[in-house]
Protein backbone atom coordinates (compact mmCIF):
# COMPACT_ATOMS: atom_id res chain seq x y z
CA MET A 1 0.06 0.06 -0.28
CA GLN A 2 3.04 2.12 1.11
CA GLY A 3 4.63 1.61 -2.23
CA THR A 4 1.28 2.20 -4.24
CA SER A 5 1.15 5.72 -2.43
CA ALA A 6 4.78 6.20 -3.08
CA ILE A 7 4.41 5.50 -6.99
CA CYS A 8 1.41 7.95 -7.25
CA SER A 9 2.97 11.25 -5.14
CA ASN A 10 6.15 10.59 -7.12
CA PHE A 11 3.63 10.54 -10.17
CA LEU A 12 2.26 14.46 -9.03
CA ARG A 13 5.49 15.46 -8.15
CA SER A 14 6.94 14.94 -11.52
CA VAL A 15 4.51 17.41 -12.70
CA PRO A 16 4.99 21.05 -12.34
CA ARG A 17 2.74 22.88 -9.45
CA SER A 18 0.87 25.55 -12.08
CA VAL A 19 0.17 22.29 -14.50
CA LEU A 20 -1.31 20.22 -12.12
CA LEU A 21 -3.64 22.80 -10.08
CA MET A 22 -5.04 24.25 -13.34
CA ILE A 23 -5.85 20.75 -14.49
CA ILE A 24 -7.93 20.12 -11.07
CA ALA A 25 -9.42 23.39 -11.78
CA LEU A 26 -10.71 22.35 -15.09
CA SER A 27 -11.70 19.27 -13.90
CA VAL A 28 -14.51 20.87 -12.17
CA ASN A 29 -15.74 22.52 -16.10
CA SER A 30 -15.84 19.32 -17.33
CA LEU A 31 -17.62 18.02 -14.26
CA ALA A 32 -20.08 20.46 -15.62
CA LEU A 33 -19.76 20.17 -18.83
CA SER A 34 -20.52 16.44 -18.93
CA TYR A 35 -23.65 17.04 -16.86
CA LEU A 36 -24.89 19.54 -19.89
CA PHE A 37 -23.73 17.11 -22.41
CA ILE A 38 -25.98 14.44 -21.11
CA TYR A 39 -28.50 16.87 -20.27
CA ILE A 40 -28.56 17.64 -24.45
CA SER A 41 -28.23 14.11 -25.63
CA ALA A 42 -30.45 11.93 -22.98
CA TYR A 43 -32.44 13.85 -20.95
CA LEU A 44 -34.13 16.52 -23.75
CA PRO A 45 -35.08 13.76 -26.05
CA GLU A 46 -37.14 11.92 -22.74
CA ILE A 47 -38.98 15.40 -23.20
CA GLY A 48 -39.61 14.97 -26.40
CA VAL A 49 -37.10 17.43 -27.99
CA PRO A 50 -36.27 14.60 -31.67
CA ALA A 51 -33.21 13.10 -31.91
CA PRO A 52 -32.53 15.36 -35.20
CA THR A 53 -32.71 18.45 -33.15
CA VAL A 54 -30.21 16.93 -30.50
CA GLY A 55 -27.99 15.98 -33.20
CA LEU A 56 -28.50 19.55 -34.64
CA LEU A 57 -27.22 21.10 -31.24
CA LEU A 58 -24.35 18.98 -30.79
CA GLY A 59 -23.47 19.31 -34.15
CA VAL A 60 -23.64 23.20 -33.74
CA GLU A 61 -21.62 23.09 -30.77
CA GLY A 62 -18.88 21.42 -32.84
CA LEU A 63 -19.23 23.80 -35.70
CA ALA A 64 -18.49 27.15 -33.75
CA MET A 65 -15.51 25.76 -31.85
CA ALA A 66 -14.14 25.12 -35.58
CA ILE A 67 -14.87 28.71 -36.32
CA MET A 68 -12.94 30.18 -33.70
CA ALA A 69 -10.26 27.53 -32.32
CA ILE A 70 -7.50 28.69 -35.37
CA PRO A 71 -8.00 32.32 -34.66
CA PHE A 72 -7.45 31.74 -30.76
CA GLY A 73 -4.95 29.44 -31.10
CA MET A 74 -2.69 31.68 -33.51
CA LEU A 75 -3.50 34.75 -30.98
CA SER A 76 -2.32 32.80 -28.32
CA ASP A 77 0.43 31.82 -29.51
CA ARG A 78 1.62 35.37 -30.25
CA LYS A 79 0.11 37.04 -27.68
CA GLY A 80 0.09 34.75 -24.78
CA ARG A 81 -2.09 32.09 -23.45
CA LYS A 82 -3.30 32.76 -19.95
CA LEU A 83 -5.29 35.64 -20.32
CA LEU A 84 -6.55 33.74 -23.18
CA LEU A 85 -7.91 30.96 -21.17
CA ILE A 86 -8.85 32.85 -18.22
CA LEU A 87 -11.27 35.02 -20.23
CA GLY A 88 -12.57 32.13 -22.40
CA SER A 89 -13.38 30.31 -19.09
CA LEU A 90 -16.22 33.08 -18.24
CA GLY A 91 -18.17 31.15 -21.18
CA PRO A 92 -19.53 28.18 -19.70
CA ALA A 93 -22.17 30.26 -17.10
CA PRO A 94 -23.87 31.96 -19.79
CA MET A 95 -24.78 28.50 -21.43
CA PHE A 96 -25.48 27.23 -18.30
CA PHE A 97 -28.24 29.73 -17.64
CA ALA A 98 -29.69 30.04 -21.17
CA PHE A 99 -30.27 26.11 -21.12
CA ALA A 100 -31.79 27.09 -17.63
CA LEU A 101 -33.97 29.49 -18.62
CA SER A 102 -35.32 28.29 -22.22
CA SER A 103 -36.62 25.62 -24.22
CA ASP A 104 -36.79 27.15 -27.34
CA ILE A 105 -34.60 25.69 -29.91
CA ALA A 106 -33.43 28.79 -31.56
CA VAL A 107 -31.78 29.52 -27.61
CA MET A 108 -30.44 26.35 -27.36
CA VAL A 109 -28.96 26.44 -30.48
CA ALA A 110 -27.23 30.22 -29.69
CA ALA A 111 -26.43 28.75 -26.33
CA ALA A 112 -24.45 25.48 -27.74
CA ALA A 113 -22.63 27.94 -29.88
CA LEU A 114 -21.30 29.89 -27.14
CA GLY A 115 -20.20 26.56 -25.65
CA GLY A 116 -18.04 25.73 -28.80
CA ILE A 117 -16.62 28.77 -28.73
CA PHE A 118 -15.43 28.30 -25.42
CA GLU A 119 -13.88 25.14 -26.35
CA GLY A 120 -12.34 26.49 -28.95
CA VAL A 121 -10.44 28.85 -26.28
CA TYR A 122 -9.90 25.72 -24.07
CA LEU A 123 -8.06 24.00 -27.24
CA ALA A 124 -6.00 26.72 -28.20
CA THR A 125 -4.82 27.44 -24.53
CA VAL A 126 -4.37 24.25 -22.40
CA ASN A 127 -2.61 21.38 -24.17
CA ALA A 128 0.23 24.31 -25.16
CA LEU A 129 -0.09 25.84 -21.51
CA ILE A 130 0.91 22.02 -20.50
CA ALA A 131 3.42 21.67 -23.13
CA ASP A 132 5.57 24.97 -22.33
CA GLN A 133 5.59 23.94 -18.94
CA THR A 134 7.04 20.46 -19.23
CA THR A 135 9.78 18.70 -21.29
CA LEU A 136 9.77 15.19 -22.99
CA LYS A 137 10.63 13.30 -20.45
CA ASN A 138 7.72 14.65 -18.03
CA ARG A 139 4.72 15.28 -20.97
CA ASP A 140 3.18 12.14 -21.31
CA ILE A 141 2.43 12.28 -17.45
CA ALA A 142 1.43 15.48 -17.63
CA PHE A 143 -1.31 14.89 -20.15
CA THR A 144 -2.14 11.64 -18.54
CA LEU A 145 -2.92 13.53 -15.45
CA SER A 146 -4.67 16.08 -17.56
CA PHE A 147 -7.22 13.20 -19.16
CA ILE A 148 -7.56 11.42 -15.52
CA PHE A 149 -8.81 14.62 -13.83
CA GLY A 150 -11.08 15.35 -16.79
CA GLY A 151 -12.61 11.69 -16.72
CA ALA A 152 -13.00 11.96 -13.62
CA GLY A 153 -14.54 15.12 -13.52
CA GLY A 154 -16.89 13.92 -16.79
CA ALA A 155 -17.79 10.71 -14.96
CA LEU A 156 -19.32 12.49 -11.75
CA GLY A 157 -21.24 14.99 -14.01
CA THR A 158 -22.27 12.14 -16.40
CA ALA A 159 -23.57 9.99 -13.26
CA LEU A 160 -25.54 12.55 -11.36
CA PRO A 161 -28.69 11.92 -13.45
CA PHE A 162 -28.65 8.57 -11.42
CA PHE A 163 -29.27 10.33 -8.30
CA ILE A 164 -32.14 12.25 -9.51
CA PRO A 165 -34.83 9.96 -8.74
CA GLY A 166 -33.65 9.34 -5.18
CA TRP A 167 -33.17 13.46 -4.58
CA SER A 168 -37.01 14.07 -6.07
CA GLN A 169 -38.44 11.83 -3.70
CA LEU A 170 -36.05 12.85 -0.63
CA LEU A 171 -36.45 17.14 -1.02
CA GLY A 172 -40.16 16.53 -2.84
CA ILE A 173 -39.10 18.13 -6.15
CA GLU A 174 -40.18 17.19 -9.73
CA SER A 175 -37.08 15.44 -11.66
CA ALA A 176 -37.64 18.56 -14.22
CA ALA A 177 -37.00 21.12 -12.01
CA LEU A 178 -34.02 19.13 -10.31
CA HIS A 179 -32.38 18.80 -13.80
CA THR A 180 -33.08 22.69 -14.22
CA ASP A 181 -31.80 23.45 -10.88
CA LEU A 182 -28.54 21.64 -11.18
CA LEU A 183 -27.89 23.54 -14.74
CA TYR A 184 -28.23 26.75 -12.17
CA LEU A 185 -26.06 25.44 -9.78
CA PHE A 186 -22.45 24.70 -12.42
CA GLY A 187 -24.17 28.07 -14.07
CA PHE A 188 -22.54 29.76 -10.56
CA LEU A 189 -20.00 27.49 -9.51
CA SER A 190 -18.55 28.35 -13.59
CA LEU A 191 -18.41 31.73 -12.22
CA LEU A 192 -15.43 30.75 -9.91
CA ILE A 193 -13.32 28.90 -12.26
CA PRO A 194 -12.04 32.42 -13.84
CA ALA A 195 -10.77 33.79 -10.47
CA ALA A 196 -9.20 30.22 -9.65
CA LEU A 197 -7.34 29.93 -12.91
CA TYR A 198 -5.89 33.60 -12.46
CA ALA A 199 -4.40 32.63 -8.78
CA ILE A 200 -3.08 29.64 -10.27
CA LEU A 201 -1.16 31.28 -13.49
CA ARG A 202 -0.50 34.65 -12.46
CA GLY A 203 3.18 33.72 -11.71
CA LEU A 204 3.35 32.10 -14.74
CA GLN A 205 5.85 33.96 -16.77
CA GLU A 206 5.61 33.34 -20.90
CA THR A 207 7.70 33.46 -23.58
CA ILE A 208 5.88 35.25 -26.38
CA ARG A 209 7.80 34.04 -29.64
CA PRO A 210 8.53 36.43 -32.62
CA ALA A 211 5.23 36.12 -34.73
CA VAL A 212 6.08 32.98 -37.17
CA ALA A 213 3.49 32.71 -40.79
CA SER A 214 2.05 29.48 -39.10
CA TRP A 215 0.79 28.22 -42.81
CA ARG A 216 4.46 28.49 -44.28
CA SER A 217 6.12 27.25 -41.36
CA LYS A 218 8.41 24.19 -41.65
CA GLY A 219 6.03 21.94 -39.25
CA ILE A 220 2.99 22.32 -41.55
CA ARG A 221 2.96 19.68 -43.56
CA VAL A 222 3.58 17.13 -40.61
CA LEU A 223 0.67 18.56 -39.04
CA LEU A 224 -1.81 18.90 -41.88
CA LYS A 225 -0.64 15.03 -42.24
CA PHE A 226 -1.50 14.54 -38.45
CA SER A 227 -4.80 16.65 -38.25
CA GLY A 228 -5.85 15.19 -41.91
CA ILE A 229 -5.63 11.52 -40.49
CA ASN A 230 -7.04 12.32 -37.13
CA SER A 231 -10.23 14.24 -39.19
CA ILE A 232 -11.11 10.79 -40.64
CA ILE A 233 -11.48 9.24 -37.23
CA GLY A 234 -13.95 12.55 -36.07
CA LEU A 235 -15.73 11.95 -39.12
CA GLY A 236 -16.52 8.29 -38.00
CA ALA A 237 -17.21 9.40 -34.73
CA GLY A 238 -19.82 11.73 -35.28
CA PHE A 239 -22.26 9.21 -36.56
CA ILE A 240 -22.87 7.87 -32.97
CA ILE A 241 -20.39 8.72 -30.10
CA PRO A 242 -21.82 11.96 -29.80
CA LEU A 243 -25.10 10.48 -29.91
CA ILE A 244 -24.65 7.01 -27.39
CA PRO A 245 -27.18 8.02 -25.01
CA THR A 246 -29.63 9.23 -27.91
CA TRP A 247 -29.05 5.52 -29.43
CA LEU A 248 -29.80 3.75 -25.45
CA PHE A 249 -33.06 6.35 -25.22
CA LEU A 250 -34.21 4.89 -28.73
CA LYS A 251 -33.00 1.54 -29.05
CA PHE A 252 -33.35 0.24 -25.70
CA VAL A 253 -35.85 3.03 -23.79
CA VAL A 254 -33.14 3.75 -21.05
CA PRO A 255 -33.87 7.17 -19.58
CA ASP A 256 -30.40 9.58 -18.29
CA THR A 257 -30.91 7.82 -15.06
CA TYR A 258 -29.23 4.76 -16.31
CA SER A 259 -27.50 6.22 -19.71
CA GLY A 260 -25.71 8.85 -17.22
CA PRO A 261 -24.14 6.53 -15.22
CA ILE A 262 -22.62 3.83 -18.06
CA LEU A 263 -21.06 6.94 -19.52
CA ALA A 264 -19.90 7.78 -15.96
CA LEU A 265 -18.87 4.30 -16.23
CA ALA A 266 -16.75 4.75 -19.28
CA SER A 267 -14.68 8.07 -18.49
CA THR A 268 -13.89 5.94 -15.22
CA THR A 269 -12.77 3.54 -16.97
CA ILE A 270 -10.50 6.22 -19.22
CA GLY A 271 -8.52 8.06 -16.82
CA LEU A 272 -7.69 4.38 -15.42
CA GLY A 273 -6.53 3.27 -18.79
CA ALA A 274 -4.81 6.38 -19.43
CA ALA A 275 -2.72 5.98 -16.97
CA PHE A 276 -1.04 3.01 -18.15
CA SER A 277 -0.60 4.71 -21.39
CA PRO A 278 2.63 6.27 -20.58
CA ARG A 279 4.24 3.32 -19.72
CA LEU A 280 2.70 1.38 -22.71
CA ALA A 281 4.45 4.01 -24.87
CA SER A 282 7.75 3.82 -22.93
CA LYS A 283 8.03 -0.13 -24.44
CA ILE A 284 6.66 0.31 -27.70
CA GLY A 285 6.57 3.52 -28.53
CA SER A 286 3.82 6.22 -28.95
CA VAL A 287 2.64 5.46 -32.67
CA ARG A 288 2.10 1.86 -32.16
CA ALA A 289 0.27 2.10 -28.34
CA VAL A 290 -1.96 4.31 -30.26
CA VAL A 291 -2.67 1.81 -32.88
CA LEU A 292 -2.89 -0.95 -30.22
CA THR A 293 -5.45 0.26 -28.28
CA GLN A 294 -6.94 1.95 -30.88
CA GLY A 295 -7.48 -1.40 -32.94
CA LEU A 296 -8.29 -3.41 -29.84
CA SER A 297 -11.36 -0.58 -29.45
CA LEU A 298 -12.62 -0.90 -32.91
CA ALA A 299 -13.58 -4.75 -32.55
CA PHE A 300 -16.06 -3.61 -30.04
CA MET A 301 -17.32 -0.93 -31.20
CA LEU A 302 -18.79 -3.20 -34.34
CA THR A 303 -19.74 -5.63 -31.76
CA LEU A 304 -22.08 -2.75 -30.25
CA ALA A 305 -24.26 -2.25 -33.70
CA PHE A 306 -25.45 -5.99 -33.42
CA VAL A 307 -25.92 -6.03 -29.46
CA GLY A 308 -29.48 -7.04 -28.33
CA ASP A 309 -29.62 -6.08 -24.46
CA PHE A 310 -29.09 -2.97 -22.29
CA LEU A 311 -26.22 -4.96 -20.19
CA THR A 312 -24.49 -6.28 -23.02
CA ALA A 313 -24.62 -2.53 -24.66
CA SER A 314 -23.23 -0.99 -21.45
CA ILE A 315 -20.17 -3.68 -21.28
CA VAL A 316 -19.49 -3.53 -24.65
CA TYR A 317 -19.52 0.35 -24.50
CA VAL A 318 -17.29 1.02 -21.18
CA ILE A 319 -14.40 -1.62 -22.96
CA ARG A 320 -14.38 0.29 -26.23
CA THR A 321 -14.25 3.50 -24.85
CA GLY A 322 -11.20 2.91 -22.19
CA LEU A 323 -9.12 1.66 -25.24
CA MET A 324 -9.98 4.25 -27.70
CA ASN A 325 -9.13 7.10 -25.24
CA MET A 326 -6.30 5.28 -23.39
CA SER A 327 -4.40 6.68 -26.97
CA SER A 328 -5.80 10.22 -26.24
CA PRO A 329 -3.16 11.77 -23.75
CA LEU A 330 -0.48 10.12 -26.02
CA LEU A 331 -1.97 11.85 -29.34
CA ASP A 332 -2.31 15.22 -27.57
CA SER A 333 1.36 14.92 -26.27
CA TYR A 334 2.89 13.16 -29.81
CA LEU A 335 1.29 16.08 -31.61
CA MET A 336 2.88 18.96 -28.88
CA GLY A 337 6.30 17.17 -29.86
CA ILE A 338 6.58 17.33 -33.48
CA VAL A 339 5.59 20.59 -33.99
CA PRO A 340 7.90 23.40 -33.31
CA PRO A 341 7.04 25.52 -29.47
CA GLU A 342 6.28 28.69 -30.83
CA GLN A 343 3.45 26.77 -33.40
CA ARG A 344 1.82 24.67 -30.38
CA GLY A 345 -1.06 27.32 -29.93
CA PHE A 346 -2.06 27.05 -33.64
CA ALA A 347 -1.00 22.77 -33.79
CA SER A 348 -3.58 22.21 -30.81
CA SER A 349 -6.61 24.41 -32.28
CA LEU A 350 -6.27 23.21 -36.15
CA ASN A 351 -5.49 19.19 -35.34
CA SER A 352 -9.08 20.13 -32.89
CA VAL A 353 -10.83 21.57 -35.88
CA ILE A 354 -9.97 19.76 -38.44
CA TRP A 355 -11.18 16.62 -36.30
CA ARG A 356 -14.42 18.66 -34.99
CA ILE A 357 -15.54 19.80 -38.62
CA PRO A 358 -16.59 16.51 -39.87
CA ASN A 359 -17.77 15.26 -36.23
CA SER A 360 -20.08 17.88 -36.60
CA VAL A 361 -21.51 17.50 -39.71
CA THR A 362 -21.67 13.34 -39.12
CA THR A 363 -23.28 13.91 -35.64
CA ILE A 364 -26.16 15.98 -37.44
CA ILE A 365 -26.80 12.76 -40.02
CA GLY A 366 -26.26 10.55 -37.11
CA GLY A 367 -29.10 11.60 -35.19
CA VAL A 368 -31.13 11.46 -38.49
CA ILE A 369 -30.42 8.00 -38.88
CA LEU A 370 -31.22 7.27 -35.17
CA ALA A 371 -34.64 8.84 -35.90
CA SER A 372 -35.56 6.63 -38.86
CA GLY A 373 -35.21 3.65 -36.64
CA ASN A 374 -31.88 2.29 -37.88
CA PHE A 375 -30.00 1.50 -34.97
CA GLU A 376 -26.70 -0.34 -36.73
CA LEU A 377 -25.89 1.49 -40.18
CA PRO A 378 -24.17 4.47 -37.97
CA PHE A 379 -22.04 1.86 -36.28
CA LEU A 380 -20.74 0.29 -39.41
CA LEU A 381 -19.73 3.86 -40.63
CA ALA A 382 -18.04 4.61 -38.09
CA GLY A 383 -16.40 1.63 -38.29
CA ALA A 384 -15.23 1.62 -41.48
CA PHE A 385 -13.36 5.76 -40.99
CA TYR A 386 -11.97 4.34 -37.94
CA ILE A 387 -9.97 1.39 -40.01
CA VAL A 388 -8.75 3.97 -42.96
CA ALA A 389 -7.27 5.97 -40.31
CA ILE A 390 -5.65 4.59 -37.87
CA SER A 391 -4.40 2.20 -41.05
CA LEU A 392 -3.06 5.90 -42.32
CA PHE A 393 -1.80 6.78 -38.56
CA TYR A 394 0.73 3.89 -38.48
CA ARG A 395 2.16 4.41 -42.02
CA ALA A 396 2.94 8.02 -41.75
CA PHE A 397 4.01 8.28 -38.63
CA LYS A 398 5.74 5.24 -37.72
CA ASN A 399 9.37 6.76 -38.16
CA VAL A 400 8.68 10.52 -36.63
CA LYS A 401 9.68 11.37 -33.32
CA PRO A 402 8.96 13.59 -30.74
CA VAL A 403 11.41 16.30 -29.59
CA GLU A 404 11.95 18.32 -26.72
């Protein structure tokens, strides 16, 4: 037991204090935003919002992020990242309040777009801030911690609907009112995050590097290749992954009180799996580790298309998610290591944008397919794109090594 404690302590101490505290603060946002995700994708269908509208809300959020992330990334490279992150972290609060106050589609679409803008700021700054404060030696660990804490926050957020029926009986409050009260709670909680980030990052001295023409930099070819292949994953994932709670409701008539905890369990598995990612990468290399975990997950995702009961679907989904997302911290760390430091904000943003644009479009299409009653096709389409992307990634990057 003491040995395990010592390993965990050394694991945490290997990461700069400001990075660790920033990760913890942002995990609170992960908790809040994960609840909002389950509210949109699982609760709204329960109260009569059609699946195409759910797909539209998720798609608009992604498209808003895609439009804003690259400008934010270039701004963070040239003017600094911490102030942009602090200002951007103000975004979630009005989004929560908008969903709490109105069920009008136009208002919800506008709120989803606001969420996308915040995500654009997050993607333009956080990964680059982590990379700027770490070295090749501890960068994988830092990104793994970010993924673990973010996954833990996400797990708590998606698990909350499970407790709503009990709270409803205990407090004598209707379930619908409790869903809304949680939105208000997270809205007010989100207002504290900017102050916390300011306190954590105020001592950080950023190195503002000379402006570089991003599209003519020496790393742009590698970046475009990496992002282009990653976008194929995004294209495939959009057909079903953001719509898993909707799929569970439509196919198995499972409400958010059950689908939420399943997503929470999946998030916990992601965190546990990510903890082993650095060790796997150190043994077989980052690229092979990514290909191995993503490849194994593919079989489970395709199996989901044909399962006939909720319990089996839940088990298969949790395993699939844990395997697929073991690669995420490795991919983030790897990308930050193959682009120049002065391009990290731009690189993180561009990679996310190129992933999210096709993902947002296919999420809308996936919602329409599910509404038609075809519950297998989204998985098969996703699987086909995953096979292509995983194969191309290994072929393109098997000999490309990250640097400091």
